[in-house]
Amino acid sequence: MILDIFFPNRCLSCNRIIDADLLVCELCFKHIDFTHFNYFDDNFIKEKCRLLFPVEHTFSLMQFKQENLSRKIIHELKYKNREKAGKVLAEWTSERLDFKDKKPDLLVSVPLHPRKLKERGYNQLHIFTEKLSEFYNIPFDQDLIRRNHYSKAQALKDKEHRLETENTFSITKEISGKHVLIVDDVFTTGNTLATIAWEILKAGDNKVSILVMAVDI
């Protein structure tokens, strides 16, 4: 309570004081570029993924554009210790994503290398995916995928280096006959997701779908 008085939570866009469990005020919320994707329909991500690996369904909560509010929210989550942003983004996702009677069997998120995890102190995807797991009652396995190499963030790489993901990830346990939903923050080239997807597909008679916080269109 004392911290709320001296360091009140402020809107990430206009800096107004807002409730502690919010990211933006009501007025600025209207400026978030939600995609309005339908999980079962064709969309930009599905078209890109199909060029890289067999995919069932795809969904993105927001659009990731230069200097837009969605970009700022994810930047706060990833680099400024705003872990609660993951919970808020999961709530927004649950309001817009309906699996109907075709829920995936398992949720997995893109892992950080142990060194990167130690540097950052948390994986920005864990709270997001955990909240989705609770809401949809779908198991979340944060240990299924292992990142084998330490590398800098995708956003800091040039296009050529973004394609260098061979043997970046591996499967840590047997998995077969599952529909796995892979969760990531931002869809850019799709190459990281493709690497993980192929590991899951090669492991057994599995299917994969994709869910991201935002897509860079």
C-alpha atoms as a PDB file:
ATOM      1  CA  MET A   1       0.000   0.000   0.000  1.00  0.00           C
ATOM      2  CA  ILE A   2       2.839   2.388   0.855  1.00  0.00           C
ATOM      3  CA  LEU A   3       4.525   1.633  -2.467  1.00  0.00           C
ATOM      4  CA  ASP A   4       1.248   2.344  -4.270  1.00  0.00           C
ATOM      5  CA  ILE A   5       1.125   5.761  -2.623  1.00  0.00           C
ATOM      6  CA  PHE A   6       4.699   6.805  -3.362  1.00  0.00           C
ATOM      7  CA  PHE A   7       5.145   4.850  -6.611  1.00  0.00           C
ATOM      8  CA  PRO A   8       1.677   4.591  -8.167  1.00  0.00           C
ATOM      9  CA  ASN A   9       1.123   2.440 -11.234  1.00  0.00           C
ATOM     10  CA  ARG A  10       0.930   4.548 -14.371  1.00  0.00           C
ATOM     11  CA  CYS A  11      -0.411   3.982 -17.860  1.00  0.00           C
ATOM     12  CA  LEU A  12       2.376   2.894 -20.215  1.00  0.00           C
ATOM     13  CA  SER A  13       1.082   5.279 -22.841  1.00  0.00           C
ATOM     14  CA  CYS A  14      -0.118   8.525 -21.260  1.00  0.00           C
ATOM     15  CA  ASN A  15       1.364   8.190 -17.738  1.00  0.00           C
ATOM     16  CA  ARG A  16      -1.976   8.582 -15.940  1.00  0.00           C
ATOM     17  CA  ILE A  17      -2.229   6.898 -12.537  1.00  0.00           C
ATOM     18  CA  ILE A  18      -4.173   3.638 -12.917  1.00  0.00           C
ATOM     19  CA  ASP A  19      -5.071   0.572 -10.832  1.00  0.00           C
ATOM     20  CA  ALA A  20      -2.130  -1.613  -9.852  1.00  0.00           C
ATOM     21  CA  ASP A  21      -3.313  -4.576 -11.940  1.00  0.00           C
ATOM     22  CA  LEU A  22      -3.611  -2.617 -15.207  1.00  0.00           C
ATOM     23  CA  LEU A  23      -1.102  -1.739 -17.927  1.00  0.00           C
ATOM     24  CA  VAL A  24      -2.897   1.114 -19.679  1.00  0.00           C
ATOM     25  CA  CYS A  25      -5.809   3.395 -18.932  1.00  0.00           C
ATOM     26  CA  GLU A  26      -9.240   2.992 -20.484  1.00  0.00           C
ATOM     27  CA  LEU A  27      -8.630   5.692 -23.089  1.00  0.00           C
ATOM     28  CA  CYS A  28      -5.270   4.314 -24.238  1.00  0.00           C
ATOM     29  CA  PHE A  29      -6.597   0.741 -24.310  1.00  0.00           C
ATOM     30  CA  LYS A  30      -8.561   1.737 -27.407  1.00  0.00           C
ATOM     31  CA  HIS A  31      -5.291   2.421 -29.218  1.00  0.00           C
ATOM     32  CA  ILE A  32      -3.886  -1.103 -28.849  1.00  0.00           C
ATOM     33  CA  ASP A  33      -3.638  -2.780 -32.250  1.00  0.00           C
ATOM     34  CA  PHE A  34      -5.446  -6.066 -31.602  1.00  0.00           C
ATOM     35  CA  THR A  35      -5.392  -8.406 -34.592  1.00  0.00           C
ATOM     36  CA  HIS A  36      -8.896  -9.897 -34.244  1.00  0.00           C
ATOM     37  CA  PHE A  37      -7.513 -13.160 -35.679  1.00  0.00           C
ATOM     38  CA  ASN A  38      -9.698 -16.242 -35.646  1.00  0.00           C
ATOM     39  CA  TYR A  39      -7.663 -19.215 -34.406  1.00  0.00           C
ATOM     40  CA  PHE A  40      -9.234 -21.544 -36.972  1.00  0.00           C
ATOM     41  CA  ASP A  41      -9.103 -19.266 -40.032  1.00  0.00           C
ATOM     42  CA  ASP A  42      -6.246 -18.532 -42.392  1.00  0.00           C
ATOM     43  CA  ASN A  43      -4.200 -15.509 -41.369  1.00  0.00           C
ATOM     44  CA  PHE A  44      -0.785 -13.926 -41.910  1.00  0.00           C
ATOM     45  CA  ILE A  45       0.977 -16.207 -39.415  1.00  0.00           C
ATOM     46  CA  LYS A  46      -0.539 -19.391 -40.798  1.00  0.00           C
ATOM     47  CA  GLU A  47       0.506 -18.435 -44.323  1.00  0.00           C
ATOM     48  CA  LYS A  48       4.089 -17.821 -43.184  1.00  0.00           C
ATOM     49  CA  CYS A  49       4.248 -20.961 -41.040  1.00  0.00           C
ATOM     50  CA  ARG A  50       3.005 -23.204 -43.837  1.00  0.00           C
ATOM     51  CA  LEU A  51       6.102 -22.255 -45.819  1.00  0.00           C
ATOM     52  CA  LEU A  52       8.253 -23.561 -42.961  1.00  0.00           C
ATOM     53  CA  PHE A  53       6.424 -26.467 -41.287  1.00  0.00           C
ATOM     54  CA  PRO A  54       3.007 -28.177 -41.083  1.00  0.00           C
ATOM     55  CA  VAL A  55       0.795 -26.119 -38.786  1.00  0.00           C
ATOM     56  CA  GLU A  56      -2.770 -26.646 -37.595  1.00  0.00           C
ATOM     57  CA  HIS A  57      -3.907 -23.267 -36.265  1.00  0.00           C
ATOM     58  CA  THR A  58      -2.372 -19.883 -35.453  1.00  0.00           C
ATOM     59  CA  PHE A  59      -3.303 -16.887 -33.308  1.00  0.00           C
ATOM     60  CA  SER A  60      -1.792 -13.512 -32.459  1.00  0.00           C
ATOM     61  CA  LEU A  61      -3.223 -11.152 -29.863  1.00  0.00           C
ATOM     62  CA  MET A  62      -1.744  -7.902 -31.203  1.00  0.00           C
ATOM     63  CA  GLN A  63       0.138  -6.317 -34.067  1.00  0.00           C
ATOM     64  CA  PHE A  64       3.761  -5.385 -33.429  1.00  0.00           C
ATOM     65  CA  LYS A  65       4.491  -2.144 -35.263  1.00  0.00           C
ATOM     66  CA  GLN A  66       7.168   0.487 -35.012  1.00  0.00           C
ATOM     67  CA  GLU A  67       6.477   2.707 -31.981  1.00  0.00           C
ATOM     68  CA  ASN A  68       2.965   1.376 -31.340  1.00  0.00           C
ATOM     69  CA  LEU A  69       1.556   0.633 -27.876  1.00  0.00           C
ATOM     70  CA  SER A  70       1.667  -3.148 -28.350  1.00  0.00           C
ATOM     71  CA  ARG A  71       5.403  -2.925 -28.952  1.00  0.00           C
ATOM     72  CA  LYS A  72       5.875  -0.886 -25.788  1.00  0.00           C
ATOM     73  CA  ILE A  73       3.868  -3.349 -23.677  1.00  0.00           C
ATOM     74  CA  ILE A  74       5.952  -6.324 -24.821  1.00  0.00           C
ATOM     75  CA  HIS A  75       9.186  -4.357 -24.383  1.00  0.00           C
ATOM     76  CA  GLU A  76       8.182  -3.613 -20.783  1.00  0.00           C
ATOM     77  CA  LEU A  77       7.465  -7.303 -20.220  1.00  0.00           C
ATOM     78  CA  LYS A  78      10.732  -8.536 -21.743  1.00  0.00           C
ATOM     79  CA  TYR A  79      13.267  -5.975 -20.624  1.00  0.00           C
ATOM     80  CA  LYS A  80      11.888  -3.909 -17.725  1.00  0.00           C
ATOM     81  CA  ASN A  81      10.808  -6.557 -15.215  1.00  0.00           C
ATOM     82  CA  ARG A  82       7.096  -5.963 -15.769  1.00  0.00           C
ATOM     83  CA  GLU A  83       6.240  -9.618 -15.210  1.00  0.00           C
ATOM     84  CA  LYS A  84       2.621  -8.776 -14.412  1.00  0.00           C
ATOM     85  CA  ALA A  85       2.221  -7.726 -18.047  1.00  0.00           C
ATOM     86  CA  GLY A  86       2.230 -11.432 -18.875  1.00  0.00           C
ATOM     87  CA  LYS A  87      -0.851 -11.955 -16.697  1.00  0.00           C
ATOM     88  CA  VAL A  88      -2.680  -9.020 -18.289  1.00  0.00           C
ATOM     89  CA  LEU A  89      -1.840 -10.202 -21.807  1.00  0.00           C
ATOM     90  CA  ALA A  90      -3.123 -13.675 -20.917  1.00  0.00           C
ATOM     91  CA  GLU A  91      -6.402 -12.144 -19.734  1.00  0.00           C
ATOM     92  CA  TRP A  92      -6.737 -10.209 -23.000  1.00  0.00           C
ATOM     93  CA  THR A  93      -6.006 -13.396 -24.925  1.00  0.00           C
ATOM     94  CA  SER A  94      -8.609 -15.414 -23.026  1.00  0.00           C
ATOM     95  CA  GLU A  95     -11.216 -12.786 -23.910  1.00  0.00           C
ATOM     96  CA  ARG A  96     -10.465 -13.178 -27.634  1.00  0.00           C
ATOM     97  CA  LEU A  97      -9.371 -16.774 -28.215  1.00  0.00           C
ATOM     98  CA  ASP A  98     -11.923 -19.582 -28.246  1.00  0.00           C
ATOM     99  CA  PHE A  99     -10.634 -23.104 -28.868  1.00  0.00           C
ATOM    100  CA  LYS A 100     -14.239 -24.359 -28.980  1.00  0.00           C
ATOM    101  CA  ASP A 101     -14.103 -28.160 -28.678  1.00  0.00           C
ATOM    102  CA  LYS A 102     -10.612 -28.428 -30.213  1.00  0.00           C
ATOM    103  CA  LYS A 103      -8.287 -27.467 -27.397  1.00  0.00           C
ATOM    104  CA  PRO A 104      -4.627 -28.438 -27.800  1.00  0.00           C
ATOM    105  CA  ASP A 105      -3.307 -31.158 -25.499  1.00  0.00           C
ATOM    106  CA  LEU A 106      -0.281 -29.258 -24.244  1.00  0.00           C
ATOM    107  CA  LEU A 107       1.176 -25.745 -24.004  1.00  0.00           C
ATOM    108  CA  VAL A 108       4.905 -25.110 -24.370  1.00  0.00           C
ATOM    109  CA  SER A 109       6.706 -21.779 -24.477  1.00  0.00           C
ATOM    110  CA  VAL A 110       9.929 -20.813 -26.201  1.00  0.00           C
ATOM    111  CA  PRO A 111      12.628 -21.299 -23.536  1.00  0.00           C
ATOM    112  CA  LEU A 112      15.512 -19.048 -22.629  1.00  0.00           C
ATOM    113  CA  HIS A 113      19.033 -20.408 -22.355  1.00  0.00           C
ATOM    114  CA  PRO A 114      19.941 -20.886 -18.646  1.00  0.00           C
ATOM    115  CA  ARG A 115      22.517 -18.107 -18.945  1.00  0.00           C
ATOM    116  CA  LYS A 116      19.962 -15.694 -20.413  1.00  0.00           C
ATOM    117  CA  LEU A 117      17.442 -16.731 -17.766  1.00  0.00           C
ATOM    118  CA  LYS A 118      19.962 -15.934 -15.050  1.00  0.00           C
ATOM    119  CA  GLU A 119      20.744 -12.559 -16.629  1.00  0.00           C
ATOM    120  CA  ARG A 120      17.100 -11.541 -17.016  1.00  0.00           C
ATOM    121  CA  GLY A 121      15.837 -13.225 -13.860  1.00  0.00           C
ATOM    122  CA  TYR A 122      12.657 -14.574 -15.441  1.00  0.00           C
ATOM    123  CA  ASN A 123      11.228 -15.919 -18.687  1.00  0.00           C
ATOM    124  CA  GLN A 124       8.680 -13.388 -19.928  1.00  0.00           C
ATOM    125  CA  LEU A 125       6.559 -16.176 -21.408  1.00  0.00           C
ATOM    126  CA  HIS A 126       6.109 -18.273 -18.270  1.00  0.00           C
ATOM    127  CA  ILE A 127       3.499 -16.180 -16.446  1.00  0.00           C
ATOM    128  CA  PHE A 128       1.653 -15.605 -19.723  1.00  0.00           C
ATOM    129  CA  THR A 129       1.547 -19.318 -20.536  1.00  0.00           C
ATOM    130  CA  GLU A 130       0.787 -20.373 -16.957  1.00  0.00           C
ATOM    131  CA  LYS A 131      -2.255 -18.088 -16.879  1.00  0.00           C
ATOM    132  CA  LEU A 132      -3.456 -19.444 -20.214  1.00  0.00           C
ATOM    133  CA  SER A 133      -2.964 -22.964 -18.862  1.00  0.00           C
ATOM    134  CA  GLU A 134      -5.122 -22.158 -15.837  1.00  0.00           C
ATOM    135  CA  PHE A 135      -7.850 -20.429 -17.843  1.00  0.00           C
ATOM    136  CA  TYR A 136      -8.208 -23.094 -20.531  1.00  0.00           C
ATOM    137  CA  ASN A 137      -7.344 -26.044 -18.269  1.00  0.00           C
ATOM    138  CA  ILE A 138      -4.565 -27.191 -20.619  1.00  0.00           C
ATOM    139  CA  PRO A 139      -1.304 -28.610 -19.186  1.00  0.00           C
ATOM    140  CA  PHE A 140       1.819 -26.446 -19.522  1.00  0.00           C
ATOM    141  CA  ASP A 141       5.215 -28.144 -19.764  1.00  0.00           C
ATOM    142  CA  GLN A 142       7.966 -25.553 -19.411  1.00  0.00           C
ATOM    143  CA  ASP A 143      10.712 -28.205 -19.508  1.00  0.00           C
ATOM    144  CA  LEU A 144       9.814 -30.053 -22.735  1.00  0.00           C
ATOM    145  CA  ILE A 145      11.919 -27.767 -24.945  1.00  0.00           C
ATOM    146  CA  ARG A 146      15.546 -26.980 -24.163  1.00  0.00           C
ATOM    147  CA  ARG A 147      17.546 -24.159 -25.738  1.00  0.00           C
ATOM    148  CA  ASN A 148      21.005 -25.508 -26.497  1.00  0.00           C
ATOM    149  CA  HIS A 149      22.885 -22.330 -27.355  1.00  0.00           C
ATOM    150  CA  TYR A 150      23.178 -18.906 -25.821  1.00  0.00           C
ATOM    151  CA  SER A 151      22.415 -16.085 -28.250  1.00  0.00           C
ATOM    152  CA  LYS A 152      21.352 -12.462 -28.237  1.00  0.00           C
ATOM    153  CA  ALA A 153      17.720 -11.493 -28.560  1.00  0.00           C
ATOM    154  CA  GLN A 154      16.091 -11.854 -31.978  1.00  0.00           C
ATOM    155  CA  ALA A 155      15.367  -8.139 -32.011  1.00  0.00           C
ATOM    156  CA  LEU A 156      19.100  -7.427 -31.821  1.00  0.00           C
ATOM    157  CA  LYS A 157      20.059  -9.717 -34.696  1.00  0.00           C
ATOM    158  CA  ASP A 158      20.267  -8.836 -38.343  1.00  0.00           C
ATOM    159  CA  LYS A 159      18.180 -10.848 -40.799  1.00  0.00           C
ATOM    160  CA  GLU A 160      21.023 -13.207 -41.764  1.00  0.00           C
ATOM    161  CA  HIS A 161      21.753 -14.219 -38.187  1.00  0.00           C
ATOM    162  CA  ARG A 162      18.064 -14.726 -37.443  1.00  0.00           C
ATOM    163  CA  LEU A 163      18.161 -17.667 -39.830  1.00  0.00           C
ATOM    164  CA  GLU A 164      20.972 -19.408 -37.954  1.00  0.00           C
ATOM    165  CA  THR A 165      18.872 -21.576 -35.628  1.00  0.00           C
ATOM    166  CA  GLU A 166      19.983 -25.095 -36.569  1.00  0.00           C
ATOM    167  CA  ASN A 167      20.203 -27.338 -33.481  1.00  0.00           C
ATOM    168  CA  THR A 168      19.174 -24.430 -31.271  1.00  0.00           C
ATOM    169  CA  PHE A 169      16.463 -26.459 -29.513  1.00  0.00           C
ATOM    170  CA  SER A 170      15.941 -30.065 -28.491  1.00  0.00           C
ATOM    171  CA  ILE A 171      13.230 -32.215 -26.884  1.00  0.00           C
ATOM    172  CA  THR A 172      13.927 -33.378 -23.320  1.00  0.00           C
ATOM    173  CA  LYS A 173      11.403 -36.227 -23.078  1.00  0.00           C
ATOM    174  CA  GLU A 174       9.284 -38.536 -25.188  1.00  0.00           C
ATOM    175  CA  ILE A 175       6.118 -37.054 -26.644  1.00  0.00           C
ATOM    176  CA  SER A 176       3.770 -38.645 -29.163  1.00  0.00           C
ATOM    177  CA  GLY A 177       0.188 -38.301 -30.330  1.00  0.00           C
ATOM    178  CA  LYS A 178      -0.171 -34.777 -28.944  1.00  0.00           C
ATOM    179  CA  HIS A 179      -1.437 -31.488 -30.328  1.00  0.00           C
ATOM    180  CA  VAL A 180       1.060 -28.974 -28.966  1.00  0.00           C
ATOM    181  CA  LEU A 181       0.463 -25.223 -28.855  1.00  0.00           C
ATOM    182  CA  ILE A 182       3.794 -23.374 -29.019  1.00  0.00           C
ATOM    183  CA  VAL A 183       3.731 -19.962 -27.302  1.00  0.00           C
ATOM    184  CA  ASP A 184       6.064 -17.070 -28.143  1.00  0.00           C
ATOM    185  CA  ASP A 185       6.101 -13.317 -27.671  1.00  0.00           C
ATOM    186  CA  VAL A 186       6.611 -11.873 -31.173  1.00  0.00           C
ATOM    187  CA  PHE A 187       6.328 -13.579 -34.559  1.00  0.00           C
ATOM    188  CA  THR A 188       8.962 -12.158 -36.908  1.00  0.00           C
ATOM    189  CA  THR A 189      10.518 -14.554 -39.428  1.00  0.00           C
ATOM    190  CA  GLY A 190       8.922 -17.632 -37.865  1.00  0.00           C
ATOM    191  CA  ASN A 191      12.261 -19.399 -37.942  1.00  0.00           C
ATOM    192  CA  THR A 192      12.558 -19.954 -34.186  1.00  0.00           C
ATOM    193  CA  LEU A 193       9.060 -21.407 -34.030  1.00  0.00           C
ATOM    194  CA  ALA A 194       9.821 -23.601 -37.043  1.00  0.00           C
ATOM    195  CA  THR A 195      12.875 -25.068 -35.319  1.00  0.00           C
ATOM    196  CA  ILE A 196      10.845 -25.967 -32.226  1.00  0.00           C
ATOM    197  CA  ALA A 197       7.915 -27.223 -34.302  1.00  0.00           C
ATOM    198  CA  TRP A 198      10.097 -29.643 -36.258  1.00  0.00           C
ATOM    199  CA  GLU A 199      11.580 -31.053 -33.038  1.00  0.00           C
ATOM    200  CA  ILE A 200       8.060 -31.752 -31.773  1.00  0.00           C
ATOM    201  CA  LEU A 201       6.867 -33.142 -35.102  1.00  0.00           C
ATOM    202  CA  LYS A 202       9.897 -35.435 -35.418  1.00  0.00           C
ATOM    203  CA  ALA A 203       9.439 -36.752 -31.879  1.00  0.00           C
ATOM    204  CA  GLY A 204       6.275 -38.667 -32.719  1.00  0.00           C
ATOM    205  CA  ASP A 205       2.823 -38.500 -34.227  1.00  0.00           C
ATOM    206  CA  ASN A 206       2.324 -34.913 -33.070  1.00  0.00           C
ATOM    207  CA  LYS A 207       0.624 -31.785 -34.390  1.00  0.00           C
ATOM    208  CA  VAL A 208       1.547 -28.167 -33.665  1.00  0.00           C
ATOM    209  CA  SER A 209      -0.260 -24.851 -33.505  1.00  0.00           C
ATOM    210  CA  ILE A 210       1.108 -21.382 -32.754  1.00  0.00           C
ATOM    211  CA  LEU A 211       0.084 -18.625 -30.338  1.00  0.00           C
ATOM    212  CA  VAL A 212       2.005 -15.357 -30.066  1.00  0.00           C
ATOM    213  CA  MET A 213       1.482 -12.147 -28.145  1.00  0.00           C
ATOM    214  CA  ALA A 214       2.082 -10.097 -31.269  1.00  0.00           C
ATOM    215  CA  VAL A 215       2.914 -10.417 -34.951  1.00  0.00           C
ATOM    216  CA  ASP A 216       5.324  -8.139 -36.763  1.00  0.00           C
ATOM    217  CA  ILE A 217       3.441  -7.389 -39.984  1.00  0.00           C
END
